[in-house]
Amino acid sequence: QKQKNKLVNHSAVRVNFGSMMIIPGWNYLLHHQAGTAWKDLKDTDNASTYIGIALNQNFEGRLADGPSRTATALPMFGEQSRTALNVVLTAANQRQPFVTFSGLDPQRSYDLRVFSSTMKAKEHAQAYLIVAHGKNNRTQQVNPTHNRSEIALLSAVYPDKNGVINISFALAAGTASADVYLNAIEIR
């Protein structure tokens, strides 16, 4: 990332959505409204990264119905895997940027790991696509229903020329709507 003409190297940056628990090595977004932002995320070593995150669309709310224990490659405490932001995805709001990472180095690629889960069976809790948009796009299908172990991996995403990667959601083939759950994201 360039900040005042200085390249900053960092370890992984982790963001939890919805949890009020402060855990070293994790950043959190508690609010679900568009405009919520954090300008200098900390990495897993608790060092400044100059990476920012912002919500571009309103989520419907914050839920605590994810699993309290997981077996994923993304180490999370129960409070982190249990909480999520959610939104009902329809044809009208799909593929619109919901989350933006900024301050990234446009010359390098990033891997994003996304955890999406709910333990409550819901009418719309079905598969959907997570899309990372930068200079290139990556897409991964997820099914949040009773997910304790699956991470969506979006590999080798290059930020756009402004150092931005946007995250959006899209409906899976044959679905008219889906409940999106965003529990945690790691970018490295």
N, C-alpha and C. Protein backbone atom coordinates (compact mmCIF):
# COMPACT_ATOMS: atom_id res chain seq x y z
N GLN A 1 0.83 -1.17 0.00
CA GLN A 1 0.00 0.00 0.00
C GLN A 1 0.88 1.23 0.00
N LYS A 2 0.45 2.22 -0.68
CA LYS A 2 1.20 3.47 -0.68
C LYS A 2 0.50 4.45 0.23
N GLN A 3 1.20 4.95 1.14
CA GLN A 3 0.69 5.97 2.05
C GLN A 3 1.79 7.00 2.17
N LYS A 4 1.55 8.19 1.67
CA LYS A 4 2.57 9.24 1.68
C LYS A 4 3.84 8.73 1.02
N ASN A 5 3.68 8.07 -0.17
CA ASN A 5 4.80 7.55 -0.96
C ASN A 5 5.62 6.50 -0.23
N LYS A 6 5.02 5.80 0.70
CA LYS A 6 5.73 4.77 1.46
C LYS A 6 5.01 3.44 1.28
N LEU A 7 5.73 2.42 0.85
CA LEU A 7 5.16 1.09 0.70
C LEU A 7 5.20 0.40 2.06
N VAL A 8 4.07 -0.14 2.46
CA VAL A 8 3.97 -0.78 3.77
C VAL A 8 3.76 -2.27 3.57
N ASN A 9 4.64 -3.08 4.13
CA ASN A 9 4.45 -4.52 4.11
C ASN A 9 3.69 -4.92 5.36
N HIS A 10 2.83 -5.88 5.23
CA HIS A 10 2.03 -6.29 6.39
C HIS A 10 1.69 -7.76 6.30
N SER A 11 1.31 -8.31 7.44
CA SER A 11 0.81 -9.67 7.45
C SER A 11 -0.70 -9.61 7.15
N ALA A 12 -1.39 -10.70 7.32
CA ALA A 12 -2.81 -10.77 6.98
C ALA A 12 -3.62 -9.74 7.76
N VAL A 13 -4.67 -9.24 7.11
CA VAL A 13 -5.63 -8.32 7.73
C VAL A 13 -6.95 -9.08 7.85
N ARG A 14 -7.50 -9.13 9.07
CA ARG A 14 -8.74 -9.87 9.32
C ARG A 14 -9.81 -8.92 9.82
N VAL A 15 -11.01 -9.09 9.27
CA VAL A 15 -12.15 -8.24 9.66
C VAL A 15 -13.31 -9.14 10.04
N ASN A 16 -13.87 -8.87 11.21
CA ASN A 16 -15.07 -9.56 11.68
C ASN A 16 -16.23 -8.59 11.55
N PHE A 17 -17.38 -9.10 11.15
CA PHE A 17 -18.56 -8.27 10.94
C PHE A 17 -19.59 -8.59 12.01
N GLY A 18 -19.87 -7.63 12.86
CA GLY A 18 -20.94 -7.77 13.83
C GLY A 18 -20.54 -8.00 15.26
N SER A 19 -19.34 -8.47 15.51
CA SER A 19 -18.94 -8.77 16.89
C SER A 19 -18.52 -7.51 17.63
N MET A 20 -18.83 -7.46 18.91
CA MET A 20 -18.40 -6.34 19.74
C MET A 20 -17.14 -6.70 20.54
N MET A 21 -16.65 -7.92 20.36
CA MET A 21 -15.48 -8.36 21.10
C MET A 21 -14.20 -7.90 20.40
N ILE A 22 -13.33 -7.23 21.14
CA ILE A 22 -12.06 -6.78 20.59
C ILE A 22 -11.02 -7.87 20.83
N ILE A 23 -10.45 -8.37 19.73
CA ILE A 23 -9.48 -9.46 19.79
C ILE A 23 -8.24 -9.02 19.03
N PRO A 24 -7.05 -9.08 19.64
CA PRO A 24 -5.84 -8.68 18.93
C PRO A 24 -5.69 -9.42 17.61
N GLY A 25 -5.27 -8.69 16.59
CA GLY A 25 -5.09 -9.28 15.28
C GLY A 25 -6.34 -9.26 14.43
N TRP A 26 -7.44 -8.77 15.00
CA TRP A 26 -8.71 -8.68 14.27
C TRP A 26 -9.21 -7.24 14.30
N ASN A 27 -9.86 -6.84 13.21
CA ASN A 27 -10.58 -5.57 13.13
C ASN A 27 -12.06 -5.93 13.11
N TYR A 28 -12.91 -5.00 13.46
CA TYR A 28 -14.33 -5.32 13.45
C TYR A 28 -15.14 -4.14 12.93
N LEU A 29 -16.23 -4.48 12.25
CA LEU A 29 -17.22 -3.49 11.84
C LEU A 29 -18.51 -3.87 12.54
N LEU A 30 -18.92 -3.04 13.45
CA LEU A 30 -20.09 -3.32 14.26
C LEU A 30 -21.37 -2.85 13.58
N HIS A 31 -21.31 -1.73 12.88
CA HIS A 31 -22.51 -1.15 12.28
C HIS A 31 -22.75 -1.71 10.89
N HIS A 32 -23.99 -1.71 10.47
CA HIS A 32 -24.36 -2.33 9.20
C HIS A 32 -24.83 -1.33 8.15
N GLN A 33 -24.71 -0.05 8.41
CA GLN A 33 -25.19 0.96 7.47
C GLN A 33 -24.10 1.35 6.47
N ALA A 34 -24.54 1.72 5.26
CA ALA A 34 -23.63 2.26 4.25
C ALA A 34 -22.91 3.46 4.84
N GLY A 35 -21.65 3.60 4.53
CA GLY A 35 -20.84 4.69 5.06
C GLY A 35 -20.00 4.31 6.26
N THR A 36 -20.29 3.17 6.88
CA THR A 36 -19.44 2.69 7.97
C THR A 36 -18.06 2.40 7.40
N ALA A 37 -17.02 2.92 8.04
CA ALA A 37 -15.68 2.76 7.49
C ALA A 37 -14.63 2.71 8.59
N TRP A 38 -13.49 2.13 8.26
CA TRP A 38 -12.32 2.05 9.12
C TRP A 38 -11.14 2.35 8.22
N LYS A 39 -10.34 3.36 8.55
CA LYS A 39 -9.32 3.83 7.62
C LYS A 39 -7.95 3.18 7.75
N ASP A 40 -7.59 2.64 8.87
CA ASP A 40 -6.27 2.06 9.04
C ASP A 40 -6.40 0.73 9.77
N LEU A 41 -6.71 -0.31 9.01
CA LEU A 41 -6.86 -1.63 9.61
C LEU A 41 -5.53 -2.13 10.15
N LYS A 42 -5.60 -2.87 11.23
CA LYS A 42 -4.41 -3.50 11.82
C LYS A 42 -4.25 -4.89 11.22
N ASP A 43 -3.01 -5.34 11.11
CA ASP A 43 -2.77 -6.70 10.63
C ASP A 43 -2.73 -7.66 11.81
N THR A 44 -2.44 -8.92 11.55
CA THR A 44 -2.46 -9.92 12.62
C THR A 44 -1.34 -9.70 13.64
N ASP A 45 -0.38 -8.85 13.30
CA ASP A 45 0.67 -8.47 14.26
C ASP A 45 0.29 -7.17 15.00
N ASN A 46 -0.92 -6.69 14.76
CA ASN A 46 -1.44 -5.45 15.35
C ASN A 46 -0.69 -4.21 14.86
N ALA A 47 -0.11 -4.27 13.67
CA ALA A 47 0.59 -3.14 13.08
C ALA A 47 -0.32 -2.42 12.09
N SER A 48 -0.11 -1.12 11.93
CA SER A 48 -0.87 -0.33 10.96
C SER A 48 -0.59 -0.80 9.54
N THR A 49 -1.62 -0.79 8.71
CA THR A 49 -1.47 -1.22 7.32
C THR A 49 -1.82 -0.13 6.31
N TYR A 50 -2.54 0.90 6.72
CA TYR A 50 -3.07 1.94 5.85
C TYR A 50 -4.15 1.40 4.91
N ILE A 51 -4.56 0.17 5.11
CA ILE A 51 -5.67 -0.40 4.34
C ILE A 51 -6.96 0.07 5.00
N GLY A 52 -7.91 0.46 4.18
CA GLY A 52 -9.21 0.87 4.68
C GLY A 52 -10.30 -0.08 4.25
N ILE A 53 -11.42 -0.03 4.95
CA ILE A 53 -12.60 -0.82 4.58
C ILE A 53 -13.81 0.09 4.74
N ALA A 54 -14.78 -0.08 3.85
CA ALA A 54 -16.01 0.71 3.93
C ALA A 54 -17.18 -0.13 3.45
N LEU A 55 -18.34 0.11 4.05
CA LEU A 55 -19.58 -0.51 3.58
C LEU A 55 -20.23 0.48 2.60
N ASN A 56 -20.56 -0.01 1.41
CA ASN A 56 -21.15 0.84 0.37
C ASN A 56 -22.66 0.73 0.30
N GLN A 57 -23.20 -0.36 0.79
CA GLN A 57 -24.64 -0.60 0.77
C GLN A 57 -25.08 -0.91 2.21
N ASN A 58 -26.33 -0.66 2.50
CA ASN A 58 -26.86 -1.04 3.80
C ASN A 58 -27.04 -2.55 3.87
N PHE A 59 -26.60 -3.13 4.96
CA PHE A 59 -26.97 -4.50 5.29
C PHE A 59 -28.24 -4.38 6.13
N GLU A 60 -29.02 -5.45 6.20
CA GLU A 60 -30.28 -5.37 6.94
C GLU A 60 -30.07 -5.40 8.44
N GLY A 61 -28.99 -5.99 8.88
CA GLY A 61 -28.75 -6.04 10.30
C GLY A 61 -27.58 -6.91 10.67
N ARG A 62 -27.45 -7.06 11.96
CA ARG A 62 -26.38 -7.84 12.55
C ARG A 62 -27.04 -9.03 13.24
N LEU A 63 -26.55 -10.21 12.96
CA LEU A 63 -27.11 -11.43 13.53
C LEU A 63 -26.07 -12.17 14.34
N ALA A 64 -26.54 -13.01 15.23
CA ALA A 64 -25.64 -13.86 16.02
C ALA A 64 -26.14 -15.29 15.97
N ASP A 65 -26.33 -15.80 14.73
CA ASP A 65 -26.82 -17.17 14.60
C ASP A 65 -25.86 -18.07 13.82
N GLY A 66 -24.58 -17.68 13.78
CA GLY A 66 -23.57 -18.54 13.17
C GLY A 66 -23.09 -19.57 14.17
N PRO A 67 -22.16 -20.44 13.76
CA PRO A 67 -21.67 -21.48 14.67
C PRO A 67 -20.74 -20.92 15.73
N SER A 68 -20.79 -21.51 16.92
CA SER A 68 -19.88 -21.07 17.97
C SER A 68 -18.52 -21.75 17.86
N ARG A 69 -18.43 -22.80 17.07
CA ARG A 69 -17.15 -23.48 16.82
C ARG A 69 -17.05 -23.78 15.33
N THR A 70 -15.85 -23.60 14.81
CA THR A 70 -15.61 -23.88 13.40
C THR A 70 -14.34 -24.70 13.24
N ALA A 71 -14.19 -25.28 12.07
CA ALA A 71 -12.97 -26.00 11.70
C ALA A 71 -12.55 -25.48 10.34
N THR A 72 -12.10 -24.22 10.31
CA THR A 72 -11.71 -23.58 9.06
C THR A 72 -10.23 -23.22 9.09
N ALA A 73 -9.73 -22.83 7.94
CA ALA A 73 -8.35 -22.35 7.84
C ALA A 73 -8.24 -20.92 8.36
N LEU A 74 -9.34 -20.31 8.69
CA LEU A 74 -9.37 -18.95 9.24
C LEU A 74 -9.66 -19.06 10.74
N PRO A 75 -8.64 -18.84 11.59
CA PRO A 75 -8.85 -19.02 13.02
C PRO A 75 -9.77 -17.95 13.60
N MET A 76 -10.88 -18.39 14.17
CA MET A 76 -11.87 -17.48 14.74
C MET A 76 -12.30 -17.96 16.11
N PHE A 77 -12.56 -17.01 17.00
CA PHE A 77 -13.19 -17.32 18.26
C PHE A 77 -14.68 -17.46 18.02
N GLY A 78 -15.40 -18.08 18.94
CA GLY A 78 -16.84 -18.29 18.79
C GLY A 78 -17.61 -17.02 18.53
N GLU A 79 -17.26 -15.94 19.20
CA GLU A 79 -17.95 -14.66 18.99
C GLU A 79 -17.81 -14.19 17.55
N GLN A 80 -16.67 -14.44 16.94
CA GLN A 80 -16.44 -14.01 15.56
C GLN A 80 -17.20 -14.86 14.55
N SER A 81 -17.20 -16.16 14.73
CA SER A 81 -17.91 -17.02 13.78
C SER A 81 -19.42 -16.97 13.97
N ARG A 82 -19.86 -16.59 15.16
CA ARG A 82 -21.28 -16.54 15.46
C ARG A 82 -21.95 -15.28 14.88
N THR A 83 -21.22 -14.17 14.79
CA THR A 83 -21.82 -12.91 14.37
C THR A 83 -21.60 -12.65 12.88
N ALA A 84 -22.56 -11.96 12.28
CA ALA A 84 -22.50 -11.66 10.85
C ALA A 84 -23.39 -10.47 10.53
N LEU A 85 -23.07 -9.83 9.42
CA LEU A 85 -24.01 -8.88 8.81
C LEU A 85 -24.79 -9.67 7.78
N ASN A 86 -26.05 -9.30 7.59
CA ASN A 86 -26.82 -10.02 6.59
C ASN A 86 -27.64 -9.07 5.73
N VAL A 87 -27.97 -9.55 4.53
CA VAL A 87 -28.81 -8.81 3.60
C VAL A 87 -29.51 -9.82 2.70
N VAL A 88 -30.74 -9.51 2.31
CA VAL A 88 -31.43 -10.35 1.33
C VAL A 88 -30.98 -9.88 -0.05
N LEU A 89 -30.40 -10.80 -0.79
CA LEU A 89 -29.88 -10.51 -2.12
C LEU A 89 -30.97 -10.78 -3.15
N THR A 90 -31.19 -9.82 -4.03
CA THR A 90 -32.17 -9.96 -5.11
C THR A 90 -31.52 -9.51 -6.42
N ALA A 91 -32.25 -9.62 -7.50
CA ALA A 91 -31.75 -9.16 -8.80
C ALA A 91 -31.44 -7.66 -8.75
N ALA A 92 -32.15 -6.91 -7.93
CA ALA A 92 -31.96 -5.46 -7.86
C ALA A 92 -30.65 -5.04 -7.18
N ASN A 93 -30.16 -5.81 -6.21
CA ASN A 93 -28.96 -5.38 -5.49
C ASN A 93 -27.75 -6.29 -5.73
N GLN A 94 -27.90 -7.32 -6.55
CA GLN A 94 -26.74 -8.18 -6.78
C GLN A 94 -25.70 -7.45 -7.64
N ARG A 95 -24.45 -7.84 -7.46
CA ARG A 95 -23.29 -7.32 -8.19
C ARG A 95 -23.01 -5.84 -7.91
N GLN A 96 -23.67 -5.26 -6.94
CA GLN A 96 -23.34 -3.91 -6.49
C GLN A 96 -22.32 -4.04 -5.36
N PRO A 97 -21.29 -3.20 -5.35
CA PRO A 97 -20.29 -3.31 -4.28
C PRO A 97 -20.91 -3.09 -2.90
N PHE A 98 -20.76 -4.06 -2.01
CA PHE A 98 -21.21 -3.94 -0.63
C PHE A 98 -20.05 -3.53 0.28
N VAL A 99 -18.85 -4.06 0.00
CA VAL A 99 -17.68 -3.80 0.83
C VAL A 99 -16.53 -3.36 -0.07
N THR A 100 -15.79 -2.34 0.37
CA THR A 100 -14.62 -1.87 -0.38
C THR A 100 -13.39 -1.90 0.51
N PHE A 101 -12.32 -2.52 0.00
CA PHE A 101 -11.00 -2.42 0.61
C PHE A 101 -10.23 -1.39 -0.20
N SER A 102 -9.60 -0.43 0.47
CA SER A 102 -8.83 0.61 -0.21
C SER A 102 -7.42 0.69 0.38
N GLY A 103 -6.55 1.45 -0.28
CA GLY A 103 -5.18 1.59 0.21
C GLY A 103 -4.30 0.40 -0.11
N LEU A 104 -4.73 -0.43 -1.06
CA LEU A 104 -3.97 -1.62 -1.45
C LEU A 104 -2.94 -1.27 -2.52
N ASP A 105 -1.92 -2.08 -2.62
CA ASP A 105 -0.87 -1.89 -3.62
C ASP A 105 -1.37 -2.42 -4.97
N PRO A 106 -1.58 -1.55 -5.97
CA PRO A 106 -2.09 -2.01 -7.26
C PRO A 106 -1.14 -2.92 -8.03
N GLN A 107 0.12 -3.01 -7.59
CA GLN A 107 1.11 -3.82 -8.29
C GLN A 107 1.19 -5.26 -7.81
N ARG A 108 0.46 -5.58 -6.76
CA ARG A 108 0.52 -6.95 -6.24
C ARG A 108 -0.89 -7.54 -6.14
N SER A 109 -0.94 -8.87 -6.08
CA SER A 109 -2.23 -9.54 -5.95
C SER A 109 -2.49 -9.87 -4.48
N TYR A 110 -3.77 -10.05 -4.17
CA TYR A 110 -4.20 -10.37 -2.81
C TYR A 110 -5.10 -11.60 -2.85
N ASP A 111 -5.03 -12.38 -1.79
CA ASP A 111 -5.95 -13.50 -1.60
C ASP A 111 -6.94 -13.10 -0.53
N LEU A 112 -8.20 -13.35 -0.78
CA LEU A 112 -9.25 -13.07 0.20
C LEU A 112 -9.89 -14.38 0.62
N ARG A 113 -10.07 -14.54 1.93
CA ARG A 113 -10.77 -15.70 2.48
C ARG A 113 -12.00 -15.17 3.20
N VAL A 114 -13.17 -15.69 2.83
CA VAL A 114 -14.44 -15.19 3.35
C VAL A 114 -15.18 -16.32 4.05
N PHE A 115 -15.64 -16.05 5.27
CA PHE A 115 -16.45 -17.02 6.01
C PHE A 115 -17.88 -16.51 6.05
N SER A 116 -18.81 -17.39 5.65
CA SER A 116 -20.23 -17.07 5.59
C SER A 116 -21.00 -18.23 6.20
N SER A 117 -21.79 -17.94 7.27
CA SER A 117 -22.49 -19.04 7.93
C SER A 117 -23.71 -18.59 8.70
N THR A 118 -24.70 -19.45 8.74
CA THR A 118 -25.84 -19.33 9.64
C THR A 118 -26.22 -20.73 10.09
N MET A 119 -26.59 -20.87 11.34
CA MET A 119 -26.99 -22.18 11.85
C MET A 119 -28.51 -22.34 11.87
N LYS A 120 -29.22 -21.28 11.53
CA LYS A 120 -30.68 -21.35 11.48
C LYS A 120 -31.13 -21.59 10.05
N ALA A 121 -32.00 -22.54 9.88
CA ALA A 121 -32.54 -22.80 8.54
C ALA A 121 -33.50 -21.67 8.20
N LYS A 122 -33.28 -21.05 7.07
CA LYS A 122 -34.13 -19.95 6.62
C LYS A 122 -34.58 -20.23 5.21
N GLU A 123 -35.67 -19.61 4.84
CA GLU A 123 -36.21 -19.83 3.51
C GLU A 123 -35.21 -19.47 2.41
N HIS A 124 -34.49 -18.36 2.59
CA HIS A 124 -33.59 -17.90 1.54
C HIS A 124 -32.14 -18.26 1.78
N ALA A 125 -31.83 -18.98 2.85
CA ALA A 125 -30.44 -19.32 3.14
C ALA A 125 -30.00 -20.42 2.18
N GLN A 126 -29.51 -20.00 1.05
CA GLN A 126 -29.06 -20.93 0.03
C GLN A 126 -27.80 -20.38 -0.61
N ALA A 127 -27.27 -21.11 -1.54
CA ALA A 127 -26.01 -20.73 -2.16
C ALA A 127 -26.12 -19.39 -2.88
N TYR A 128 -25.03 -18.65 -2.84
CA TYR A 128 -24.88 -17.41 -3.60
C TYR A 128 -23.41 -17.26 -3.94
N LEU A 129 -23.08 -16.26 -4.74
CA LEU A 129 -21.71 -16.04 -5.18
C LEU A 129 -21.12 -14.83 -4.47
N ILE A 130 -19.86 -14.95 -4.07
CA ILE A 130 -19.09 -13.81 -3.56
C ILE A 130 -18.16 -13.41 -4.70
N VAL A 131 -18.14 -12.12 -5.04
CA VAL A 131 -17.35 -11.65 -6.17
C VAL A 131 -16.39 -10.57 -5.69
N ALA A 132 -15.10 -10.72 -6.01
CA ALA A 132 -14.09 -9.70 -5.72
C ALA A 132 -13.77 -8.99 -7.04
N HIS A 133 -13.92 -7.67 -7.06
CA HIS A 133 -13.68 -6.87 -8.26
C HIS A 133 -12.46 -5.98 -8.03
N GLY A 134 -11.51 -6.06 -8.91
CA GLY A 134 -10.36 -5.17 -8.91
C GLY A 134 -9.98 -4.98 -10.37
N LYS A 135 -8.68 -5.08 -10.65
CA LYS A 135 -8.23 -5.08 -12.05
C LYS A 135 -8.74 -6.34 -12.72
N ASN A 136 -8.87 -7.42 -11.95
CA ASN A 136 -9.46 -8.67 -12.40
C ASN A 136 -10.57 -9.04 -11.41
N ASN A 137 -11.39 -9.99 -11.76
CA ASN A 137 -12.49 -10.44 -10.90
C ASN A 137 -12.29 -11.90 -10.53
N ARG A 138 -12.72 -12.25 -9.32
CA ARG A 138 -12.74 -13.63 -8.88
C ARG A 138 -14.10 -13.90 -8.25
N THR A 139 -14.62 -15.09 -8.47
CA THR A 139 -15.95 -15.46 -7.97
C THR A 139 -15.87 -16.83 -7.29
N GLN A 140 -16.58 -16.96 -6.17
CA GLN A 140 -16.65 -18.24 -5.46
C GLN A 140 -18.06 -18.43 -4.93
N GLN A 141 -18.63 -19.60 -5.15
CA GLN A 141 -19.96 -19.90 -4.62
C GLN A 141 -19.84 -20.37 -3.18
N VAL A 142 -20.78 -19.92 -2.34
CA VAL A 142 -20.83 -20.36 -0.95
C VAL A 142 -22.26 -20.76 -0.60
N ASN A 143 -22.38 -21.67 0.35
CA ASN A 143 -23.67 -21.99 0.93
C ASN A 143 -23.52 -21.82 2.44
N PRO A 144 -24.15 -20.80 3.02
CA PRO A 144 -23.93 -20.51 4.43
C PRO A 144 -24.66 -21.44 5.40
N THR A 145 -25.62 -22.20 4.91
CA THR A 145 -26.47 -23.01 5.80
C THR A 145 -25.65 -24.06 6.55
N HIS A 146 -25.62 -23.92 7.88
CA HIS A 146 -24.91 -24.84 8.77
C HIS A 146 -23.43 -25.02 8.39
N ASN A 147 -22.83 -23.98 7.87
CA ASN A 147 -21.42 -24.03 7.47
C ASN A 147 -20.52 -23.86 8.69
N ARG A 148 -19.70 -24.85 8.95
CA ARG A 148 -18.71 -24.79 10.04
C ARG A 148 -17.29 -24.90 9.50
N SER A 149 -17.12 -25.23 8.21
CA SER A 149 -15.77 -25.54 7.75
C SER A 149 -15.36 -24.93 6.41
N GLU A 150 -16.29 -24.43 5.64
CA GLU A 150 -15.95 -23.95 4.30
C GLU A 150 -15.61 -22.47 4.29
N ILE A 151 -14.52 -22.14 3.62
CA ILE A 151 -14.08 -20.76 3.42
C ILE A 151 -14.10 -20.51 1.91
N ALA A 152 -14.67 -19.38 1.50
CA ALA A 152 -14.59 -18.98 0.09
C ALA A 152 -13.22 -18.35 -0.14
N LEU A 153 -12.46 -18.90 -1.07
CA LEU A 153 -11.13 -18.39 -1.38
C LEU A 153 -11.17 -17.69 -2.72
N LEU A 154 -10.83 -16.42 -2.71
CA LEU A 154 -10.75 -15.60 -3.92
C LEU A 154 -9.28 -15.25 -4.10
N SER A 155 -8.60 -16.01 -4.96
CA SER A 155 -7.13 -15.92 -5.07
C SER A 155 -6.68 -14.96 -6.16
N ALA A 156 -5.53 -14.35 -5.92
CA ALA A 156 -4.82 -13.53 -6.90
C ALA A 156 -5.68 -12.42 -7.48
N VAL A 157 -6.31 -11.66 -6.58
CA VAL A 157 -7.10 -10.51 -7.01
C VAL A 157 -6.18 -9.28 -7.00
N TYR A 158 -6.11 -8.60 -8.12
CA TYR A 158 -5.32 -7.37 -8.22
C TYR A 158 -6.25 -6.18 -8.00
N PRO A 159 -5.86 -5.25 -7.14
CA PRO A 159 -6.66 -4.03 -6.96
C PRO A 159 -6.69 -3.24 -8.28
N ASP A 160 -7.68 -2.36 -8.40
CA ASP A 160 -7.70 -1.48 -9.56
C ASP A 160 -6.57 -0.44 -9.42
N LYS A 161 -6.45 0.45 -10.38
CA LYS A 161 -5.33 1.41 -10.39
C LYS A 161 -5.34 2.34 -9.19
N ASN A 162 -6.49 2.45 -8.50
CA ASN A 162 -6.60 3.28 -7.30
C ASN A 162 -6.35 2.50 -6.01
N GLY A 163 -5.97 1.22 -6.13
CA GLY A 163 -5.70 0.40 -4.95
C GLY A 163 -6.95 -0.10 -4.26
N VAL A 164 -8.01 -0.36 -5.03
CA VAL A 164 -9.32 -0.75 -4.47
C VAL A 164 -9.73 -2.14 -4.95
N ILE A 165 -10.25 -2.94 -4.01
CA ILE A 165 -10.95 -4.18 -4.33
C ILE A 165 -12.34 -4.07 -3.73
N ASN A 166 -13.37 -4.28 -4.56
CA ASN A 166 -14.75 -4.27 -4.10
C ASN A 166 -15.26 -5.70 -3.96
N ILE A 167 -16.11 -5.91 -2.97
CA ILE A 167 -16.76 -7.21 -2.75
C ILE A 167 -18.25 -7.03 -3.02
N SER A 168 -18.78 -7.88 -3.88
CA SER A 168 -20.22 -7.88 -4.14
C SER A 168 -20.72 -9.31 -4.04
N PHE A 169 -22.01 -9.47 -4.18
CA PHE A 169 -22.66 -10.78 -4.09
C PHE A 169 -23.54 -10.95 -5.32
N ALA A 170 -23.69 -12.18 -5.79
CA ALA A 170 -24.54 -12.46 -6.94
C ALA A 170 -25.35 -13.72 -6.66
N LEU A 171 -26.51 -13.77 -7.27
CA LEU A 171 -27.38 -14.93 -7.11
C LEU A 171 -26.83 -16.14 -7.86
N ALA A 172 -26.94 -17.29 -7.26
CA ALA A 172 -26.57 -18.53 -7.94
C ALA A 172 -27.61 -18.83 -9.00
N ALA A 173 -27.23 -19.60 -9.99
CA ALA A 173 -28.14 -19.95 -11.08
C ALA A 173 -29.43 -20.55 -10.54
N GLY A 174 -30.55 -20.08 -11.05
CA GLY A 174 -31.85 -20.62 -10.68
C GLY A 174 -32.45 -20.08 -9.40
N THR A 175 -31.82 -19.09 -8.77
CA THR A 175 -32.38 -18.52 -7.54
C THR A 175 -32.83 -17.08 -7.78
N ALA A 176 -33.92 -16.71 -7.15
CA ALA A 176 -34.46 -15.35 -7.27
C ALA A 176 -34.02 -14.46 -6.12
N SER A 177 -33.64 -15.09 -4.99
CA SER A 177 -33.16 -14.33 -3.84
C SER A 177 -32.37 -15.27 -2.93
N ALA A 178 -31.56 -14.68 -2.07
CA ALA A 178 -30.77 -15.47 -1.12
C ALA A 178 -30.41 -14.58 0.05
N ASP A 179 -30.32 -15.16 1.24
CA ASP A 179 -29.83 -14.43 2.41
C ASP A 179 -28.31 -14.52 2.39
N VAL A 180 -27.66 -13.36 2.41
CA VAL A 180 -26.20 -13.28 2.45
C VAL A 180 -25.79 -13.09 3.91
N TYR A 181 -24.78 -13.85 4.34
CA TYR A 181 -24.20 -13.72 5.68
C TYR A 181 -22.72 -13.44 5.51
N LEU A 182 -22.26 -12.37 6.11
CA LEU A 182 -20.85 -12.00 6.03
C LEU A 182 -20.30 -11.99 7.45
N ASN A 183 -19.61 -13.07 7.83
CA ASN A 183 -19.08 -13.22 9.18
C ASN A 183 -17.66 -12.65 9.29
N ALA A 184 -16.78 -13.01 8.35
CA ALA A 184 -15.38 -12.59 8.46
C ALA A 184 -14.72 -12.62 7.09
N ILE A 185 -13.72 -11.73 6.92
CA ILE A 185 -12.88 -11.69 5.72
C ILE A 185 -11.44 -11.53 6.16
N GLU A 186 -10.58 -12.29 5.50
CA GLU A 186 -9.13 -12.09 5.65
C GLU A 186 -8.59 -11.72 4.28
N ILE A 187 -7.73 -10.70 4.25
CA ILE A 187 -7.04 -10.31 3.01
C ILE A 187 -5.55 -10.38 3.29
N ARG A 188 -4.84 -11.05 2.39
CA ARG A 188 -3.39 -11.18 2.56
C ARG A 188 -2.70 -11.07 1.22
